[in-house]
Amino acid sequence: MKSLSQSNSQRRLARLIAAAFVFAAITPAPAQDVRGLEVCTAEKQMERRTSCLQANAEFLQGVIDRNARDARQKIEAATKELAAARTEINALKAALATTQARLEKLEKPQDDKAKAK
C-alpha cells in the first residue's frame, strides 16, 4: 500500500514537471541583457575585443560558480529537512503503533464480555 501511494505521488510529480517544461518551452522568452557583461562588438582592435570577451567569460564563470554554490546550499538544507521529517515520521509511526496496541488491549476485554453474554 505504501509503495503504491509513493508511486502515484511520483507519477503526479513527474506529470507536473513535464507540464512545466512544456509550458516553458511554448512560452516565448524576451531577450535580456546580463548585468556585468560588456558589449564587445563595439571594440575595433582585436586585443581589446579579446580581453573584453575574456572578462565576460570570467564574469559568467563567477556567476555560474555562485549559482552552483547557492544551489548546493539549498540542496543540503532540503536534505537536512527531509532527514528531520523522516525521523519525525518514524517517531509518529512508532507512537501510532503503541496507541493501536493499547486500543486493542482495551477493546479485547469488552469483546470477551460480549461473547460471554
Protein backbone atom coordinates (compact mmCIF):
# COMPACT_ATOMS: atom_id res chain seq x y z
CA MET A 1 0.00 0.00 0.00
CA LYS A 2 2.85 2.34 0.88
CA SER A 3 4.71 1.82 -2.40
CA LEU A 4 1.50 2.31 -4.38
CA SER A 5 0.88 5.75 -2.86
CA GLN A 6 4.53 6.68 -3.35
CA SER A 7 4.45 5.66 -7.00
CA ASN A 8 1.23 7.63 -7.51
CA SER A 9 2.77 10.72 -5.96
CA GLN A 10 5.90 10.23 -8.06
CA ARG A 11 3.78 9.98 -11.21
CA ARG A 12 1.91 13.15 -10.27
CA LEU A 13 5.19 14.95 -9.65
CA ALA A 14 6.58 13.73 -12.98
CA ARG A 15 3.46 14.93 -14.79
CA LEU A 16 3.70 18.32 -13.09
CA ILE A 17 7.35 18.71 -14.05
CA ALA A 18 6.63 17.64 -17.62
CA ALA A 19 3.79 20.16 -17.85
CA ALA A 20 6.07 22.91 -16.53
CA PHE A 21 8.71 22.08 -19.16
CA VAL A 22 6.13 22.07 -21.94
CA PHE A 23 4.74 25.40 -20.76
CA ALA A 24 8.25 26.88 -20.52
CA ALA A 25 9.13 25.62 -24.00
CA ILE A 26 5.97 27.04 -25.57
CA THR A 27 6.14 30.46 -23.86
CA PRO A 28 8.46 32.83 -25.72
CA ALA A 29 11.06 34.49 -23.51
CA PRO A 30 12.11 38.08 -24.16
CA ALA A 31 15.80 38.75 -24.70
CA GLN A 32 17.54 40.06 -21.59
CA ASP A 33 20.76 41.92 -21.04
CA VAL A 34 23.05 40.36 -18.46
CA ARG A 35 24.25 42.90 -15.95
CA GLY A 36 28.01 42.98 -15.72
CA LEU A 37 28.66 41.93 -19.32
CA GLU A 38 30.36 44.33 -21.65
CA VAL A 39 29.39 44.79 -25.28
CA CYS A 40 32.48 43.53 -27.07
CA THR A 41 31.28 44.10 -30.61
CA ALA A 42 31.98 47.83 -30.34
CA GLU A 43 35.73 47.19 -29.96
CA LYS A 44 37.67 47.59 -33.21
CA GLN A 45 41.05 46.32 -32.04
CA MET A 46 41.37 42.55 -31.78
CA GLU A 47 43.35 42.68 -28.50
CA ARG A 48 40.71 44.82 -26.80
CA ARG A 49 37.91 42.65 -28.15
CA THR A 50 39.69 39.51 -26.90
CA SER A 51 40.23 40.98 -23.44
CA CYS A 52 36.59 42.08 -23.35
CA LEU A 53 35.43 38.56 -24.20
CA GLN A 54 37.78 37.10 -21.58
CA ALA A 55 36.40 39.49 -18.97
CA ASN A 56 32.87 38.43 -19.92
CA ALA A 57 33.83 34.75 -19.69
CA GLU A 58 35.37 35.28 -16.25
CA PHE A 59 32.31 37.18 -15.09
CA LEU A 60 29.97 34.44 -16.31
CA GLN A 61 32.14 31.75 -14.70
CA GLY A 62 31.87 33.64 -11.41
CA VAL A 63 28.08 33.80 -11.78
CA ILE A 64 27.94 30.07 -12.54
CA ASP A 65 30.11 29.26 -9.52
CA ARG A 66 27.99 31.46 -7.26
CA ASN A 67 24.75 29.90 -8.52
CA ALA A 68 26.18 26.39 -8.11
CA ARG A 69 27.22 27.18 -4.54
CA ASP A 70 23.76 28.58 -3.75
CA ALA A 71 22.08 25.53 -5.29
CA ARG A 72 24.32 23.19 -3.28
CA GLN A 73 23.45 25.02 -0.07
CA LYS A 74 19.73 24.81 -0.85
CA ILE A 75 20.01 21.09 -1.62
CA GLU A 76 21.90 20.47 1.62
CA ALA A 77 19.26 22.38 3.60
CA ALA A 78 16.46 20.44 1.88
CA THR A 79 18.27 17.16 2.60
CA LYS A 80 18.53 18.06 6.29
CA GLU A 81 14.83 18.98 6.39
CA LEU A 82 13.95 15.71 4.68
CA ALA A 83 16.00 13.70 7.17
CA ALA A 84 14.31 15.51 10.06
CA ALA A 85 10.88 14.86 8.52
CA ARG A 86 11.69 11.16 8.06
CA THR A 87 12.81 10.93 11.68
CA GLU A 88 9.60 12.59 12.82
CA ILE A 89 7.51 10.29 10.63
CA ASN A 90 9.21 7.23 12.10
CA ALA A 91 8.57 8.53 15.63
CA LEU A 92 4.92 9.16 14.78
CA LYS A 93 4.59 5.66 13.29
CA ALA A 94 6.01 4.17 16.48
CA ALA A 95 3.63 6.24 18.61
CA LEU A 96 0.71 5.17 16.43
CA ALA A 97 1.65 1.50 16.73
CA THR A 98 1.85 1.85 20.52
CA THR A 99 -1.52 3.59 20.62
CA GLN A 100 -3.10 0.94 18.41
CA ALA A 101 -1.73 -1.83 20.63
CA ARG A 102 -3.16 -0.12 23.72
CA LEU A 103 -6.51 0.32 21.98
CA GLU A 104 -6.59 -3.37 21.05
CA LYS A 105 -5.88 -4.31 24.68
CA LEU A 106 -8.72 -2.09 25.86
CA GLU A 107 -11.15 -3.47 23.29
CA LYS A 108 -10.24 -7.11 23.92
CA PRO A 109 -11.87 -7.38 27.39
CA GLN A 110 -15.04 -5.77 26.02
CA ASP A 111 -15.14 -8.35 23.21
CA ASP A 112 -14.71 -11.15 25.76
CA LYS A 113 -17.64 -9.79 27.81
CA ALA A 114 -19.85 -9.53 24.70
CA LYS A 115 -19.04 -13.16 23.76
CA ALA A 116 -19.82 -14.35 27.28
CA LYS A 117 -23.33 -12.93 27.17
